[in-house]
Amino acid sequence: MGEVHSIKNQYRGINAHLHSYLQAEGGWNEFHSRHIVHIADHIQAQLHSLGYTVGVQDSLQIKRIEGGSSYPESDVLVYDTRPTRGTISGSYAVEPSMTLSELLAEDVLSEKPFRSIAISQRQSKTPVAWLELLSPSNKGESKDAQIYRSKRTELLLTGLVFIELDYLHETPPTFRTLPDYHHRESNAHPYRILVLDPRPDAGFVWNLEFDVDQPFPVANIPLSGDDVMIFNFGTPYEHTFKASFHGDQVDYSTLPLNFRHYIPADQRRIAARMLAVLEAYKQGIDLETGPFAVREDITLEQTLAEIEKLKTNI
C-alpha cells in the first residue's frame, strides 16, 4: 500500500509520529515558530475581552502594560490593560501537584527561601508570567541548556509565574526531580506542561503530564493578582498541526522513527492509533472525520500483526 496521510491530527493530543520525526530528522524550529504564534492567538482570543492584549516577540512573557521591563524579550507578551477590573477566576481547575521546594530539591534555587519571593500584584512594570515551549537545545547538559536553566532560575527568583511546555520525549526533563521518560524511569510520561507559581510563601507547581494518544490536560495559568486563566493547550496545537499541514510529514502506514524509544504502553497506543486509521482508510472513510475509536482488547504484537495484514490487503 502507499502512504496514508491526513490533514487532521489522528491522535488525541500530541502526534507521536510527527514529534518523533521532528526530533530525529529536524524541523523543530519551524514547528516552534508557528506554534508560538498560534498559542499567542488563542490566548489573545480568550483574554481580550477581559482587558489583556498579546504581542509576539522573541519568547513568551506575560507582563503588565504600565511600563517596560529589564527582562529578556519573550515569544509572546500578554499585557493587562485594565488593572482595576475584577478577577477572572478565583479558583483552580486542578490542585497543585507539589511545592516548588519539592520540585527544586536538587537545584541551586532550592537553597534560597521561597518566602522571600514575592510579587506586587498591582505594581507597574512588573511582569506576571513567562512561558517557554522547549526546544531540544533547552534540554540536556549543553551550554544552551545550562543558560536556559540559569535564566529560568533568575525569573523564578523575581516572582514570575513560569510555564514550561515539554513535548520532547527523546530528552530528559529540565528538572532533575522529575522522572525521566528518556531513560524509562518509573512513573515517567512523554509530555509535560509545568506551571510554577512562586508567589505564595511555599510556591506551588502544577505538573500536568500525559501520555501518547491522550488529550492535553487543562492548565491553570495564574495572571495578575488573583486572576486565573483556564487554558487548553490542545486547541492551539490542533490549529498548528492543521494550518501548517504537518500531516504531510506523518505516514500512518509506517511506525514512527525511533519507535523503540517509547515505553511498551505507548508503543501499544501508537500501534492502536495506526490500526484505527488504516481500518478507516480501507473502508473508504474520510480520515478528516477522525480521530477514530481504537481497539483496547488486543496486545501490541497482535496490533502490529493486524497492521501488516491490512497493509498487504489495501
Protein backbone atom coordinates (compact mmCIF):
# COMPACT_ATOMS: atom_id res chain seq x y z
CA MET A 1 0.00 0.00 0.00
CA GLY A 2 1.02 3.61 -0.39
CA GLU A 3 1.46 6.25 2.25
CA VAL A 4 -1.54 7.27 4.37
CA HIS A 5 -1.75 10.93 5.33
CA SER A 6 -4.37 13.17 6.91
CA ILE A 7 -4.51 16.93 7.30
CA LYS A 8 -6.22 16.45 10.65
CA ASN A 9 -4.27 15.12 13.61
CA GLN A 10 -5.34 11.50 14.09
CA TYR A 11 -4.03 11.34 17.67
CA ARG A 12 -5.93 12.57 20.71
CA GLY A 13 -3.22 15.01 21.76
CA ILE A 14 0.43 15.08 20.70
CA ASN A 15 1.03 13.40 17.35
CA ALA A 16 3.69 10.79 18.17
CA HIS A 17 4.60 10.28 14.50
CA LEU A 18 5.23 13.99 13.96
CA HIS A 19 7.23 14.57 17.14
CA SER A 20 9.39 11.51 16.51
CA TYR A 21 10.11 12.82 13.02
CA LEU A 22 10.91 16.37 14.19
CA GLN A 23 13.33 15.13 16.84
CA ALA A 24 15.03 12.55 14.61
CA GLU A 25 15.18 14.45 11.31
CA GLY A 26 14.99 18.10 12.38
CA GLY A 27 12.37 20.74 11.72
CA TRP A 28 11.51 21.56 15.32
CA ASN A 29 12.44 25.22 14.90
CA GLU A 30 9.80 25.73 12.22
CA PHE A 31 7.17 23.94 14.30
CA HIS A 32 8.19 26.03 17.32
CA SER A 33 7.90 29.32 15.42
CA ARG A 34 4.45 28.52 14.04
CA HIS A 35 3.12 27.03 17.27
CA ILE A 36 4.17 30.00 19.43
CA VAL A 37 2.17 32.33 17.19
CA HIS A 38 -0.90 30.10 17.43
CA ILE A 39 -0.58 29.88 21.22
CA ALA A 40 -0.47 33.67 21.33
CA ASP A 41 -3.52 33.94 19.07
CA HIS A 42 -5.59 31.63 21.25
CA ILE A 43 -4.51 33.32 24.49
CA GLN A 44 -5.44 36.66 22.91
CA ALA A 45 -8.86 35.35 21.88
CA GLN A 46 -9.56 34.13 25.41
CA LEU A 47 -8.27 37.17 27.30
CA HIS A 48 -9.03 40.13 25.01
CA SER A 49 -12.48 40.87 26.43
CA LEU A 50 -11.04 40.69 29.95
CA GLY A 51 -8.58 43.52 29.37
CA TYR A 52 -5.43 41.69 28.30
CA THR A 53 -3.65 42.03 24.97
CA VAL A 54 -0.93 39.92 23.35
CA GLY A 55 2.13 40.79 21.26
CA VAL A 56 4.56 38.35 19.63
CA GLN A 57 8.25 38.95 20.33
CA ASP A 58 11.18 36.52 20.85
CA SER A 59 9.95 34.40 23.87
CA LEU A 60 6.69 34.14 25.83
CA GLN A 61 6.26 36.55 28.70
CA ILE A 62 3.14 37.83 30.40
CA LYS A 63 3.57 41.30 31.84
CA ARG A 64 1.66 44.41 32.79
CA ILE A 65 1.08 47.22 30.29
CA GLU A 66 2.13 50.02 32.65
CA GLY A 67 5.72 50.06 31.50
CA GLY A 68 8.76 48.33 30.10
CA SER A 69 10.93 45.69 31.71
CA SER A 70 14.60 44.84 32.13
CA TYR A 71 13.83 41.17 31.50
CA PRO A 72 14.77 39.49 28.22
CA GLU A 73 12.18 39.78 25.48
CA SER A 74 9.88 36.82 25.07
CA ASP A 75 7.91 34.97 22.37
CA VAL A 76 4.54 36.39 23.35
CA LEU A 77 3.75 39.29 25.62
CA VAL A 78 0.39 39.48 27.39
CA TYR A 79 -0.44 42.92 28.75
CA ASP A 80 -3.08 43.84 31.32
CA THR A 81 -4.94 46.91 30.01
CA ARG A 82 -7.46 47.06 32.87
CA PRO A 83 -5.62 46.99 36.19
CA THR A 84 -8.80 47.91 38.07
CA ARG A 85 -11.13 45.23 36.65
CA GLY A 86 -12.43 42.33 38.71
CA THR A 87 -10.79 38.95 38.81
CA ILE A 88 -11.25 36.40 36.04
CA SER A 89 -11.49 33.44 38.37
CA GLY A 90 -10.62 32.86 41.99
CA SER A 91 -10.19 29.10 41.84
CA TYR A 92 -8.14 26.49 40.00
CA ALA A 93 -9.44 23.63 37.88
CA VAL A 94 -6.66 21.34 39.14
CA GLU A 95 -4.99 21.18 42.56
CA PRO A 96 -1.21 21.77 42.70
CA SER A 97 0.94 18.67 42.25
CA MET A 98 3.75 19.70 44.61
CA THR A 99 5.55 22.68 46.07
CA LEU A 100 8.40 24.49 44.36
CA SER A 101 10.74 23.32 47.12
CA GLU A 102 9.94 19.71 46.25
CA LEU A 103 10.41 20.26 42.52
CA LEU A 104 13.68 22.12 43.00
CA ALA A 105 15.09 19.87 45.73
CA GLU A 106 18.22 19.15 43.69
CA ASP A 107 18.59 22.56 42.05
CA VAL A 108 20.65 25.51 43.22
CA LEU A 109 17.48 27.54 43.54
CA SER A 110 16.31 25.29 46.39
CA GLU A 111 18.96 26.86 48.63
CA LYS A 112 17.01 30.12 48.61
CA PRO A 113 13.93 30.58 50.88
CA PHE A 114 10.80 30.84 48.77
CA ARG A 115 9.04 33.06 51.28
CA SER A 116 11.39 35.80 50.07
CA ILE A 117 9.92 35.50 46.57
CA ALA A 118 7.07 37.94 46.28
CA ILE A 119 5.29 39.92 43.60
CA SER A 120 3.45 43.21 43.86
CA GLN A 121 0.16 42.20 42.33
CA ARG A 122 -0.74 45.65 41.01
CA GLN A 123 2.68 47.29 40.79
CA SER A 124 3.58 48.79 37.45
CA LYS A 125 6.48 47.48 35.37
CA THR A 126 6.10 44.03 36.89
CA PRO A 127 5.90 41.01 34.57
CA VAL A 128 3.44 38.37 35.71
CA ALA A 129 4.45 35.16 33.93
CA TRP A 130 6.79 33.65 31.34
CA LEU A 131 6.03 30.76 29.01
CA GLU A 132 8.60 28.61 27.22
CA LEU A 133 7.93 25.99 24.56
CA LEU A 134 11.01 23.82 24.99
CA SER A 135 13.34 23.12 22.09
CA PRO A 136 15.94 20.32 22.06
CA SER A 137 18.66 22.90 22.79
CA ASN A 138 16.93 23.79 26.09
CA LYS A 139 17.35 20.22 27.38
CA GLY A 140 20.26 18.03 28.42
CA GLU A 141 23.66 19.32 29.56
CA SER A 142 24.67 21.55 26.64
CA LYS A 143 25.77 25.14 27.14
CA ASP A 144 22.43 26.37 25.80
CA ALA A 145 20.56 24.14 28.26
CA GLN A 146 22.64 25.47 31.16
CA ILE A 147 21.91 29.05 30.09
CA TYR A 148 18.21 28.22 29.85
CA ARG A 149 18.10 26.78 33.39
CA SER A 150 20.03 29.76 34.73
CA LYS A 151 17.58 32.18 33.08
CA ARG A 152 14.65 30.23 34.47
CA THR A 153 16.15 30.41 37.98
CA GLU A 154 16.54 34.18 37.71
CA LEU A 155 12.97 34.59 36.53
CA LEU A 156 11.57 32.46 39.34
CA LEU A 157 13.50 34.44 41.93
CA THR A 158 11.76 37.61 40.73
CA GLY A 159 8.37 36.05 41.49
CA LEU A 160 7.39 35.36 37.88
CA VAL A 161 4.96 32.56 37.16
CA PHE A 162 6.75 30.18 34.79
CA ILE A 163 5.01 27.90 32.28
CA GLU A 164 7.10 25.24 30.56
CA LEU A 165 5.75 23.15 27.68
CA ASP A 166 7.79 19.97 27.09
CA TYR A 167 6.65 17.92 24.10
CA LEU A 168 10.07 16.29 23.53
CA HIS A 169 10.14 12.70 24.79
CA GLU A 170 13.63 11.96 23.41
CA THR A 171 15.43 14.08 26.02
CA PRO A 172 15.30 14.19 29.85
CA PRO A 173 13.21 16.74 31.75
CA THR A 174 14.77 20.07 32.69
CA PHE A 175 14.17 19.38 36.40
CA ARG A 176 16.22 16.53 37.90
CA THR A 177 13.50 15.66 40.42
CA LEU A 178 11.04 14.64 37.68
CA PRO A 179 11.00 11.06 36.30
CA ASP A 180 12.93 10.70 33.05
CA TYR A 181 10.95 9.11 30.22
CA HIS A 182 14.05 9.09 28.03
CA HIS A 183 15.69 6.64 30.45
CA ARG A 184 12.44 4.72 31.09
CA GLU A 185 12.19 5.63 34.76
CA SER A 186 9.04 4.51 36.54
CA ASN A 187 6.04 6.87 36.53
CA ALA A 188 7.58 8.92 33.68
CA HIS A 189 5.45 10.35 30.88
CA PRO A 190 6.49 11.58 27.41
CA TYR A 191 4.80 15.01 27.56
CA ARG A 192 4.51 17.63 30.25
CA ILE A 193 3.02 21.06 30.99
CA LEU A 194 4.57 22.64 34.08
CA VAL A 195 3.08 25.72 35.74
CA LEU A 196 5.26 27.15 38.51
CA ASP A 197 3.81 29.86 40.74
CA PRO A 198 6.44 31.19 43.18
CA ARG A 199 4.18 33.90 44.59
CA PRO A 200 2.72 32.02 47.59
CA ASP A 201 5.01 31.53 50.61
CA ALA A 202 5.79 27.90 49.73
CA GLY A 203 5.37 28.11 45.99
CA PHE A 204 3.13 25.76 44.04
CA VAL A 205 3.66 23.59 40.97
CA TRP A 206 1.12 22.10 38.59
CA ASN A 207 2.82 19.15 36.89
CA LEU A 208 0.45 18.13 34.10
CA GLU A 209 1.91 15.03 32.48
CA PHE A 210 0.25 12.98 29.76
CA ASP A 211 0.90 10.02 27.50
CA VAL A 212 0.73 9.18 23.82
CA ASP A 213 -2.81 9.42 22.41
CA GLN A 214 -4.15 11.18 25.50
CA PRO A 215 -5.80 14.63 25.34
CA PHE A 216 -3.96 17.68 26.60
CA PRO A 217 -4.70 18.35 30.28
CA VAL A 218 -6.38 21.62 31.18
CA ALA A 219 -3.88 24.10 32.67
CA ASN A 220 -4.33 26.83 35.28
CA ILE A 221 -2.42 29.96 34.25
CA PRO A 222 -2.11 32.49 37.12
CA LEU A 223 -2.14 36.06 35.81
CA SER A 224 -2.26 39.43 37.55
CA GLY A 225 -3.32 39.37 41.18
CA ASP A 226 -5.91 36.63 41.73
CA ASP A 227 -6.70 36.23 38.02
CA VAL A 228 -6.58 32.66 36.75
CA MET A 229 -6.92 31.62 33.12
CA ILE A 230 -8.09 28.06 32.49
CA PHE A 231 -6.39 27.17 29.22
CA ASN A 232 -6.31 24.11 26.98
CA PHE A 233 -3.04 23.99 25.02
CA GLY A 234 -4.54 21.27 22.86
CA THR A 235 -6.58 23.86 20.97
CA PRO A 236 -3.61 25.81 19.53
CA TYR A 237 -1.78 22.51 18.99
CA GLU A 238 -4.54 21.23 16.71
CA HIS A 239 -4.53 24.61 14.96
CA THR A 240 -0.79 24.37 14.29
CA PHE A 241 -0.98 20.78 13.08
CA LYS A 242 -3.74 21.51 10.58
CA ALA A 243 -2.83 25.04 9.46
CA SER A 244 0.83 24.14 8.89
CA PHE A 245 -0.04 20.89 7.06
CA HIS A 246 2.13 18.83 9.38
CA GLY A 247 0.00 15.86 8.36
CA ASP A 248 2.11 15.72 5.19
CA GLN A 249 5.02 14.60 7.38
CA VAL A 250 3.00 11.80 9.00
CA ASP A 251 2.57 8.42 7.32
CA TYR A 252 0.23 6.28 9.39
CA SER A 253 1.17 3.16 7.42
CA THR A 254 4.65 3.06 9.00
CA LEU A 255 5.84 3.13 12.60
CA PRO A 256 7.26 6.42 13.92
CA LEU A 257 11.02 6.91 13.72
CA ASN A 258 12.76 5.50 16.80
CA PHE A 259 9.63 3.60 17.77
CA ARG A 260 11.65 1.62 20.32
CA HIS A 261 12.29 4.81 22.30
CA TYR A 262 8.69 4.72 23.52
CA ILE A 263 7.77 2.58 26.52
CA PRO A 264 5.67 -0.51 25.73
CA ALA A 265 2.40 1.09 26.84
CA ASP A 266 2.92 3.99 24.44
CA GLN A 267 4.06 1.65 21.68
CA ARG A 268 0.72 -0.12 22.03
CA ARG A 269 -1.14 3.20 21.90
CA ILE A 270 0.72 4.20 18.74
CA ALA A 271 0.01 0.87 17.06
CA ALA A 272 -3.65 1.02 18.09
CA ARG A 273 -3.94 4.51 16.59
CA MET A 274 -2.29 3.37 13.35
CA LEU A 275 -4.64 0.39 13.12
CA ALA A 276 -7.70 2.60 13.60
CA VAL A 277 -6.53 4.95 10.83
CA LEU A 278 -5.73 2.13 8.41
CA GLU A 279 -9.05 0.38 9.06
CA ALA A 280 -10.90 3.62 8.32
CA TYR A 281 -8.79 4.15 5.21
CA LYS A 282 -9.56 0.63 3.97
CA GLN A 283 -13.30 1.21 4.48
CA GLY A 284 -13.18 4.44 2.48
CA ILE A 285 -13.99 6.63 5.49
CA ASP A 286 -12.85 10.24 5.20
CA LEU A 287 -9.82 10.49 7.51
CA GLU A 288 -10.61 14.14 8.17
CA THR A 289 -13.55 12.93 10.31
CA GLY A 290 -11.11 11.28 12.76
CA PRO A 291 -9.63 10.57 15.17
CA PHE A 292 -11.37 7.22 15.39
CA ALA A 293 -12.01 4.85 18.28
CA VAL A 294 -9.17 2.43 18.95
CA ARG A 295 -9.26 -1.21 19.95
CA GLU A 296 -8.30 -1.86 23.57
CA ASP A 297 -8.72 -5.65 23.53
CA ILE A 298 -5.54 -6.74 21.73
CA THR A 299 -1.84 -6.74 22.59
CA LEU A 300 0.91 -4.76 20.87
CA GLU A 301 2.05 -7.85 18.98
CA GLN A 302 -1.48 -8.60 17.79
CA THR A 303 -1.97 -4.99 16.73
CA LEU A 304 1.26 -4.94 14.72
CA ALA A 305 0.23 -8.18 13.03
CA GLU A 306 -3.16 -6.69 12.13
CA ILE A 307 -1.42 -3.63 10.67
CA GLU A 308 0.80 -5.77 8.45
CA LYS A 309 -2.22 -7.78 7.29
CA LEU A 310 -4.12 -4.59 6.41
CA LYS A 311 -1.13 -3.17 4.52
CA THR A 312 -0.93 -6.21 2.27
CA ASN A 313 -4.68 -6.17 1.55
CA ILE A 314 -5.15 -2.46 0.79
